[in-house]
Amino acid sequence: MVSYLEDVLVRVATQPASLMQQLLPANWAKRFAPATSELALA
């Protein structure tokens, strides 16, 4: 959840208004969330 909030706060400043729906939690998870294999490496 924290990674979502951090990412959205960074993206909201530059995201075009027409694409704001990409930042909704379900849409963000499909598009921007790190893969579980990436999380294992962190």
PDB file of N, CA and C in Angstrom:
ATOM      1  N   MET A   1       0.817  -1.191   0.000  1.00  0.00           N
ATOM      2  CA  MET A   1       0.000   0.000   0.000  1.00  0.00           C
ATOM      3  C   MET A   1       0.862   1.257   0.000  1.00  0.00           C
ATOM      4  N   VAL A   2       1.943   1.220   0.719  1.00  0.00           N
ATOM      5  CA  VAL A   2       2.809   2.392   0.773  1.00  0.00           C
ATOM      6  C   VAL A   2       3.414   2.671  -0.593  1.00  0.00           C
ATOM      7  N   SER A   3       3.819   1.640  -1.313  1.00  0.00           N
ATOM      8  CA  SER A   3       4.400   1.869  -2.636  1.00  0.00           C
ATOM      9  C   SER A   3       3.382   2.503  -3.576  1.00  0.00           C
ATOM     10  N   TYR A   4       2.112   2.137  -3.446  1.00  0.00           N
ATOM     11  CA  TYR A   4       1.058   2.752  -4.254  1.00  0.00           C
ATOM     12  C   TYR A   4       0.972   4.246  -3.958  1.00  0.00           C
ATOM     13  N   LEU A   5       0.891   4.600  -2.689  1.00  0.00           N
ATOM     14  CA  LEU A   5       0.753   6.007  -2.316  1.00  0.00           C
ATOM     15  C   LEU A   5       1.957   6.828  -2.749  1.00  0.00           C
ATOM     16  N   GLU A   6       3.140   6.298  -2.545  1.00  0.00           N
ATOM     17  CA  GLU A   6       4.353   6.999  -2.963  1.00  0.00           C
ATOM     18  C   GLU A   6       4.356   7.223  -4.471  1.00  0.00           C
ATOM     19  N   ASP A   7       4.047   6.188  -5.212  1.00  0.00           N
ATOM     20  CA  ASP A   7       4.073   6.275  -6.670  1.00  0.00           C
ATOM     21  C   ASP A   7       3.020   7.250  -7.187  1.00  0.00           C
ATOM     22  N   VAL A   8       1.822   7.182  -6.643  1.00  0.00           N
ATOM     23  CA  VAL A   8       0.746   8.066  -7.104  1.00  0.00           C
ATOM     24  C   VAL A   8       1.083   9.521  -6.797  1.00  0.00           C
ATOM     25  N   LEU A   9       1.646   9.788  -5.644  1.00  0.00           N
ATOM     26  CA  LEU A   9       2.008  11.166  -5.314  1.00  0.00           C
ATOM     27  C   LEU A   9       3.048  11.723  -6.273  1.00  0.00           C
ATOM     28  N   VAL A  10       3.945  10.897  -6.745  1.00  0.00           N
ATOM     29  CA  VAL A  10       4.933  11.333  -7.730  1.00  0.00           C
ATOM     30  C   VAL A  10       4.279  11.517  -9.097  1.00  0.00           C
ATOM     31  N   ARG A  11       3.460  10.559  -9.494  1.00  0.00           N
ATOM     32  CA  ARG A  11       2.857  10.597 -10.828  1.00  0.00           C
ATOM     33  C   ARG A  11       1.773  11.664 -10.991  1.00  0.00           C
ATOM     34  N   VAL A  12       1.049  11.986  -9.937  1.00  0.00           N
ATOM     35  CA  VAL A  12      -0.100  12.882 -10.060  1.00  0.00           C
ATOM     36  C   VAL A  12       0.319  14.267 -10.568  1.00  0.00           C
ATOM     37  N   ALA A  13       1.524  14.680 -10.296  1.00  0.00           N
ATOM     38  CA  ALA A  13       1.995  15.994 -10.734  1.00  0.00           C
ATOM     39  C   ALA A  13       2.213  16.069 -12.240  1.00  0.00           C
ATOM     40  N   THR A  14       2.510  14.940 -12.855  1.00  0.00           N
ATOM     41  CA  THR A  14       2.843  14.955 -14.287  1.00  0.00           C
ATOM     42  C   THR A  14       1.856  14.191 -15.160  1.00  0.00           C
ATOM     43  N   GLN A  15       0.966  13.474 -14.551  1.00  0.00           N
ATOM     44  CA  GLN A  15      -0.005  12.656 -15.300  1.00  0.00           C
ATOM     45  C   GLN A  15      -1.048  13.569 -15.954  1.00  0.00           C
ATOM     46  N   PRO A  16      -1.275  13.437 -17.255  1.00  0.00           N
ATOM     47  CA  PRO A  16      -2.334  14.226 -17.897  1.00  0.00           C
ATOM     48  C   PRO A  16      -3.696  13.901 -17.283  1.00  0.00           C
ATOM     49  N   ALA A  17      -4.550  14.900 -17.197  1.00  0.00           N
ATOM     50  CA  ALA A  17      -5.867  14.716 -16.589  1.00  0.00           C
ATOM     51  C   ALA A  17      -6.655  13.608 -17.269  1.00  0.00           C
ATOM     52  N   SER A  18      -6.476  13.453 -18.556  1.00  0.00           N
ATOM     53  CA  SER A  18      -7.221  12.430 -19.292  1.00  0.00           C
ATOM     54  C   SER A  18      -6.790  11.015 -18.912  1.00  0.00           C
ATOM     55  N   LEU A  19      -5.653  10.885 -18.235  1.00  0.00           N
ATOM     56  CA  LEU A  19      -5.143   9.559 -17.854  1.00  0.00           C
ATOM     57  C   LEU A  19      -5.177   9.321 -16.339  1.00  0.00           C
ATOM     58  N   MET A  20      -5.842  10.182 -15.605  1.00  0.00           N
ATOM     59  CA  MET A  20      -5.886  10.041 -14.151  1.00  0.00           C
ATOM     60  C   MET A  20      -6.516   8.727 -13.703  1.00  0.00           C
ATOM     61  N   GLN A  21      -7.409   8.155 -14.509  1.00  0.00           N
ATOM     62  CA  GLN A  21      -8.023   6.882 -14.122  1.00  0.00           C
ATOM     63  C   GLN A  21      -6.970   5.781 -13.992  1.00  0.00           C
ATOM     64  N   GLN A  22      -5.809   5.954 -14.607  1.00  0.00           N
ATOM     65  CA  GLN A  22      -4.735   4.969 -14.466  1.00  0.00           C
ATOM     66  C   GLN A  22      -4.196   4.925 -13.040  1.00  0.00           C
ATOM     67  N   LEU A  23      -4.420   5.993 -12.287  1.00  0.00           N
ATOM     68  CA  LEU A  23      -3.892   6.057 -10.927  1.00  0.00           C
ATOM     69  C   LEU A  23      -4.847   5.517  -9.876  1.00  0.00           C
ATOM     70  N   LEU A  24      -6.025   5.096 -10.282  1.00  0.00           N
ATOM     71  CA  LEU A  24      -6.934   4.437  -9.345  1.00  0.00           C
ATOM     72  C   LEU A  24      -6.315   3.106  -8.930  1.00  0.00           C
ATOM     73  N   PRO A  25      -6.528   2.667  -7.706  1.00  0.00           N
ATOM     74  CA  PRO A  25      -5.812   1.496  -7.190  1.00  0.00           C
ATOM     75  C   PRO A  25      -5.844   0.258  -8.092  1.00  0.00           C
ATOM     76  N   ALA A  26      -6.992  -0.137  -8.578  1.00  0.00           N
ATOM     77  CA  ALA A  26      -7.077  -1.357  -9.397  1.00  0.00           C
ATOM     78  C   ALA A  26      -6.333  -1.180 -10.726  1.00  0.00           C
ATOM     79  N   ASN A  27      -6.465  -0.013 -11.326  1.00  0.00           N
ATOM     80  CA  ASN A  27      -5.784   0.240 -12.598  1.00  0.00           C
ATOM     81  C   ASN A  27      -4.283   0.386 -12.400  1.00  0.00           C
ATOM     82  N   TRP A  28      -3.883   1.009 -11.318  1.00  0.00           N
ATOM     83  CA  TRP A  28      -2.465   1.178 -11.022  1.00  0.00           C
ATOM     84  C   TRP A  28      -1.794  -0.185 -10.836  1.00  0.00           C
ATOM     85  N   ALA A  29      -2.472  -1.074 -10.123  1.00  0.00           N
ATOM     86  CA  ALA A  29      -1.902  -2.396  -9.855  1.00  0.00           C
ATOM     87  C   ALA A  29      -1.626  -3.150 -11.148  1.00  0.00           C
ATOM     88  N   LYS A  30      -2.504  -3.009 -12.126  1.00  0.00           N
ATOM     89  CA  LYS A  30      -2.316  -3.697 -13.404  1.00  0.00           C
ATOM     90  C   LYS A  30      -1.191  -3.072 -14.223  1.00  0.00           C
ATOM     91  N   ARG A  31      -1.031  -1.764 -14.108  1.00  0.00           N
ATOM     92  CA  ARG A  31      -0.131  -1.047 -15.002  1.00  0.00           C
ATOM     93  C   ARG A  31       1.243  -0.756 -14.408  1.00  0.00           C
ATOM     94  N   PHE A  32       1.306  -0.386 -13.134  1.00  0.00           N
ATOM     95  CA  PHE A  32       2.551   0.124 -12.567  1.00  0.00           C
ATOM     96  C   PHE A  32       3.136  -0.707 -11.424  1.00  0.00           C
ATOM     97  N   ALA A  33       2.354  -1.568 -10.820  1.00  0.00           N
ATOM     98  CA  ALA A  33       2.841  -2.297  -9.640  1.00  0.00           C
ATOM     99  C   ALA A  33       4.024  -3.178 -10.002  1.00  0.00           C
ATOM    100  N   PRO A  34       5.011  -3.213  -9.123  1.00  0.00           N
ATOM    101  CA  PRO A  34       6.161  -4.083  -9.390  1.00  0.00           C
ATOM    102  C   PRO A  34       5.736  -5.551  -9.356  1.00  0.00           C
ATOM    103  N   ALA A  35       6.356  -6.337 -10.198  1.00  0.00           N
ATOM    104  CA  ALA A  35       6.087  -7.770 -10.220  1.00  0.00           C
ATOM    105  C   ALA A  35       6.567  -8.397  -8.914  1.00  0.00           C
ATOM    106  N   THR A  36       5.983  -9.484  -8.522  1.00  0.00           N
ATOM    107  CA  THR A  36       6.377 -10.133  -7.273  1.00  0.00           C
ATOM    108  C   THR A  36       7.834 -10.564  -7.320  1.00  0.00           C
ATOM    109  N   SER A  37       8.355 -10.915  -8.486  1.00  0.00           N
ATOM    110  CA  SER A  37       9.771 -11.291  -8.588  1.00  0.00           C
ATOM    111  C   SER A  37      10.668 -10.088  -8.319  1.00  0.00           C
ATOM    112  N   GLU A  38      10.220  -8.881  -8.709  1.00  0.00           N
ATOM    113  CA  GLU A  38      10.993  -7.680  -8.421  1.00  0.00           C
ATOM    114  C   GLU A  38      10.995  -7.391  -6.924  1.00  0.00           C
ATOM    115  N   LEU A  39       9.887  -7.667  -6.251  1.00  0.00           N
ATOM    116  CA  LEU A  39       9.805  -7.430  -4.818  1.00  0.00           C
ATOM    117  C   LEU A  39      10.740  -8.362  -4.066  1.00  0.00           C
ATOM    118  N   ALA A  40      10.907  -9.582  -4.543  1.00  0.00           N
ATOM    119  CA  ALA A  40      11.768 -10.553  -3.881  1.00  0.00           C
ATOM    120  C   ALA A  40      13.235 -10.123  -3.955  1.00  0.00           C
ATOM    121  N   LEU A  41      13.582  -9.377  -4.994  1.00  0.00           N
ATOM    122  CA  LEU A  41      14.952  -8.927  -5.167  1.00  0.00           C
ATOM    123  C   LEU A  41      15.270  -7.693  -4.336  1.00  0.00           C
ATOM    124  N   ALA A  42      14.257  -6.987  -3.913  1.00  0.00           N
ATOM    125  CA  ALA A  42      14.487  -5.719  -3.171  1.00  0.00           C
ATOM    126  C   ALA A  42      14.952  -5.962  -1.766  1.00  0.00           C
TER     127      ALA A  42
END
